[in-house]
Amino acid sequence: MEKVFSPGFDSNTFYALLIGCYGYRLPHDLLSTDIDTVFEHVIPCFYSEKKGDGPYAGSNIRRDLLQAICHGQRTFVKDFFKEIFIILNGKEEFPSPEYSHYMFLRFHLKLMEMLQKGVEPYTELELDRVMANLEKKCSAFLENHAPALWNGKQVCEDIGAYTGEALEKLSYFKQFAK
């Protein structure tokens, strides 16, 4: 697999990769990027190559990856506009709150899948605060029954219902709470 990252990156760069921003977009028919490819191939390959390499290695990579998965929506900003944006067909596209939350849930569901499969670096993440963060962020969407749209297509009919269903599955993370 071809190298994906440039030398200078952090949790914002990981989030850009996850959401499909700034040239890190891996095409998907419906979403802003291909989550499966990113989680199953790109991140493990990068981690395997870089985990013992220089000042930005193992624990720093794991910290930033978890930060991007759990808090990416909050930390990733476009300069002073403080908006997430994705370049799509040469134009800036701004995901709705419903779509951003949908992706947030998808990231957590994929993280859970990777943990269950025993894939590194996910098995080495410090997951003790993941469930508390999920519950906090999901509470704002449980009563929101709007659809999640991306690129003019509906990816989720009812974000509130999807949040409730996902939260039940994601209770898996309770086992890591201290």
Protein backbone atom coordinates (compact mmCIF):
# COMPACT_ATOMS: atom_id res chain seq x y z
CA MET A 1 0.00 0.00 0.00
CA GLU A 2 1.19 3.47 -0.85
CA LYS A 3 2.19 5.87 1.96
CA VAL A 4 -0.75 8.04 2.94
CA PHE A 5 0.45 10.64 5.45
CA SER A 6 2.89 13.49 5.26
CA PRO A 7 5.45 13.84 8.08
CA GLY A 8 3.57 16.52 10.06
CA PHE A 9 0.23 15.33 11.37
CA ASP A 10 -1.85 15.10 14.52
CA SER A 11 -5.43 14.35 15.58
CA ASN A 12 -6.74 16.88 13.04
CA THR A 13 -4.99 15.01 10.24
CA PHE A 14 -6.37 11.70 11.48
CA TYR A 15 -9.85 13.23 11.55
CA ALA A 16 -9.35 14.59 8.03
CA LEU A 17 -8.53 11.05 6.95
CA LEU A 18 -11.55 9.59 8.75
CA ILE A 19 -14.07 12.07 7.37
CA GLY A 20 -12.53 12.39 3.91
CA CYS A 21 -11.11 15.93 4.00
CA TYR A 22 -8.11 17.67 2.41
CA GLY A 23 -7.04 15.12 -0.14
CA TYR A 24 -7.38 12.13 2.18
CA ARG A 25 -10.68 11.18 0.56
CA LEU A 26 -11.09 7.52 -0.32
CA PRO A 27 -14.12 7.37 -2.63
CA HIS A 28 -17.35 5.80 -1.44
CA ASP A 29 -20.68 5.74 -3.26
CA LEU A 30 -22.71 7.23 -0.41
CA LEU A 31 -20.44 8.61 2.33
CA SER A 32 -17.67 11.23 2.30
CA THR A 33 -15.02 8.48 2.44
CA ASP A 34 -14.57 4.72 2.68
CA ILE A 35 -14.49 4.03 6.42
CA ASP A 36 -13.76 0.32 5.97
CA THR A 37 -10.63 0.94 3.91
CA VAL A 38 -9.39 3.64 6.28
CA PHE A 39 -9.90 1.59 9.45
CA GLU A 40 -8.97 -1.84 8.10
CA HIS A 41 -6.00 -0.99 5.89
CA VAL A 42 -4.69 2.57 5.96
CA ILE A 43 -4.44 3.16 9.72
CA PRO A 44 -3.05 -0.30 10.64
CA CYS A 45 -0.49 -0.08 7.80
CA PHE A 46 0.59 3.39 8.87
CA TYR A 47 0.78 2.40 12.54
CA SER A 48 2.77 -0.73 11.78
CA GLU A 49 5.24 1.31 9.79
CA LYS A 50 5.54 4.24 12.22
CA LYS A 51 4.89 2.91 15.74
CA GLY A 52 8.59 2.76 16.66
CA ASP A 53 9.73 5.59 14.44
CA GLY A 54 10.99 8.90 15.86
CA PRO A 55 9.24 11.41 18.08
CA TYR A 56 5.79 10.84 16.57
CA ALA A 57 5.39 7.16 17.28
CA GLY A 58 3.34 4.60 19.22
CA SER A 59 1.63 6.39 22.11
CA ASN A 60 1.36 9.71 20.27
CA ILE A 61 -0.24 8.07 17.25
CA ARG A 62 -2.67 6.14 19.44
CA ARG A 63 -3.59 9.28 21.40
CA ASP A 64 -4.28 11.27 18.24
CA LEU A 65 -6.22 8.46 16.60
CA LEU A 66 -8.52 8.12 19.62
CA GLN A 67 -8.89 11.90 19.79
CA ALA A 68 -9.95 11.97 16.13
CA ILE A 69 -12.49 9.18 16.57
CA CYS A 70 -14.01 10.49 19.81
CA HIS A 71 -13.68 14.26 19.47
CA GLY A 72 -12.94 14.94 15.83
CA GLN A 73 -16.01 17.06 15.25
CA ARG A 74 -14.92 19.43 17.99
CA THR A 75 -11.21 19.61 17.24
CA PHE A 76 -11.19 19.78 13.47
CA VAL A 77 -11.72 23.37 12.33
CA LYS A 78 -11.32 25.26 9.10
CA ASP A 79 -9.23 28.26 10.11
CA PHE A 80 -11.42 30.95 11.65
CA PHE A 81 -14.68 29.66 10.16
CA LYS A 82 -14.69 26.78 12.67
CA GLU A 83 -16.46 24.51 10.22
CA ILE A 84 -15.74 21.04 8.97
CA PHE A 85 -15.50 20.96 5.23
CA ILE A 86 -14.78 18.38 2.58
CA ILE A 87 -13.64 19.00 -0.96
CA LEU A 88 -16.08 17.24 -3.26
CA ASN A 89 -15.85 17.67 -7.02
CA GLY A 90 -13.64 20.72 -6.53
CA LYS A 91 -16.06 22.51 -4.16
CA GLU A 92 -16.17 22.87 -0.38
CA GLU A 93 -19.02 20.87 1.10
CA PHE A 94 -20.09 21.42 4.71
CA PRO A 95 -21.58 18.35 6.41
CA SER A 96 -24.75 18.91 8.41
CA PRO A 97 -24.72 18.22 12.16
CA GLU A 98 -26.79 15.10 11.48
CA TYR A 99 -24.30 13.77 8.95
CA SER A 100 -21.32 14.59 11.20
CA HIS A 101 -23.01 12.74 14.06
CA TYR A 102 -23.81 9.81 11.78
CA MET A 103 -20.12 9.54 10.87
CA PHE A 104 -19.17 9.88 14.56
CA LEU A 105 -21.32 6.82 15.27
CA ARG A 106 -19.95 4.93 12.27
CA PHE A 107 -16.39 5.59 13.51
CA HIS A 108 -17.26 4.12 16.90
CA LEU A 109 -19.01 1.11 15.40
CA LYS A 110 -15.97 0.47 13.21
CA LEU A 111 -13.64 0.93 16.20
CA MET A 112 -15.68 -1.68 18.08
CA GLU A 113 -15.41 -4.07 15.12
CA MET A 114 -11.64 -3.61 14.90
CA LEU A 115 -11.27 -4.22 18.64
CA GLN A 116 -13.28 -7.42 18.39
CA LYS A 117 -11.04 -8.58 15.54
CA GLY A 118 -7.92 -7.79 17.63
CA VAL A 119 -6.45 -5.31 15.13
CA GLU A 120 -3.54 -3.07 16.14
CA PRO A 121 -3.47 -0.11 16.94
CA TYR A 122 -7.10 -0.23 18.10
CA THR A 123 -6.37 -2.90 20.73
CA GLU A 124 -3.80 -0.57 22.29
CA LEU A 125 -6.03 2.50 22.67
CA GLU A 126 -6.97 3.83 26.11
CA LEU A 127 -10.73 3.39 25.95
CA ASP A 128 -11.73 4.20 29.53
CA ARG A 129 -13.61 7.44 28.64
CA VAL A 130 -15.15 6.37 25.33
CA MET A 131 -18.56 5.35 26.72
CA ALA A 132 -18.99 8.53 28.77
CA ASN A 133 -18.14 10.59 25.68
CA LEU A 134 -20.59 8.59 23.54
CA GLU A 135 -23.42 9.05 26.03
CA LYS A 136 -22.75 12.77 26.28
CA LYS A 137 -22.62 13.38 22.53
CA CYS A 138 -25.50 11.06 21.70
CA SER A 139 -27.92 12.63 24.19
CA ALA A 140 -28.22 15.71 21.95
CA PHE A 141 -29.35 13.58 18.98
CA LEU A 142 -31.73 11.04 20.53
CA GLU A 143 -34.74 13.34 20.00
CA ASN A 144 -33.57 14.62 16.59
CA HIS A 145 -35.56 12.72 13.98
CA ALA A 146 -34.15 14.53 10.94
CA PRO A 147 -32.47 12.62 8.14
CA ALA A 148 -28.70 12.65 7.68
CA LEU A 149 -27.80 13.76 4.17
CA TRP A 150 -24.51 13.78 2.30
CA ASN A 151 -23.96 15.07 -1.22
CA GLY A 152 -27.71 15.27 -1.78
CA LYS A 153 -28.26 11.65 -0.75
CA GLN A 154 -29.93 10.36 2.37
CA VAL A 155 -27.56 8.17 4.38
CA CYS A 156 -29.82 7.82 7.40
CA GLU A 157 -33.58 8.31 7.55
CA ASP A 158 -33.84 9.19 11.26
CA ILE A 159 -30.67 10.21 13.13
CA GLY A 160 -32.39 9.92 16.53
CA ALA A 161 -33.51 6.34 15.93
CA TYR A 162 -30.10 5.44 14.48
CA THR A 163 -28.39 7.00 17.51
CA GLY A 164 -30.50 4.90 19.89
CA GLU A 165 -29.76 1.69 17.99
CA ALA A 166 -26.05 2.47 17.71
CA LEU A 167 -25.80 3.40 21.38
CA GLU A 168 -27.18 0.00 22.35
CA LYS A 169 -24.47 -1.73 20.31
CA LEU A 170 -21.82 0.67 21.53
CA SER A 171 -22.55 -0.19 25.17
CA TYR A 172 -19.70 -2.61 24.39
CA PHE A 173 -17.39 0.22 25.50
CA LYS A 174 -18.74 0.13 29.08
CA GLN A 175 -16.32 -2.70 29.80
CA PHE A 176 -13.38 -0.33 29.41
CA ALA A 177 -14.62 2.35 31.85
CA LYS A 178 -12.60 2.62 35.03
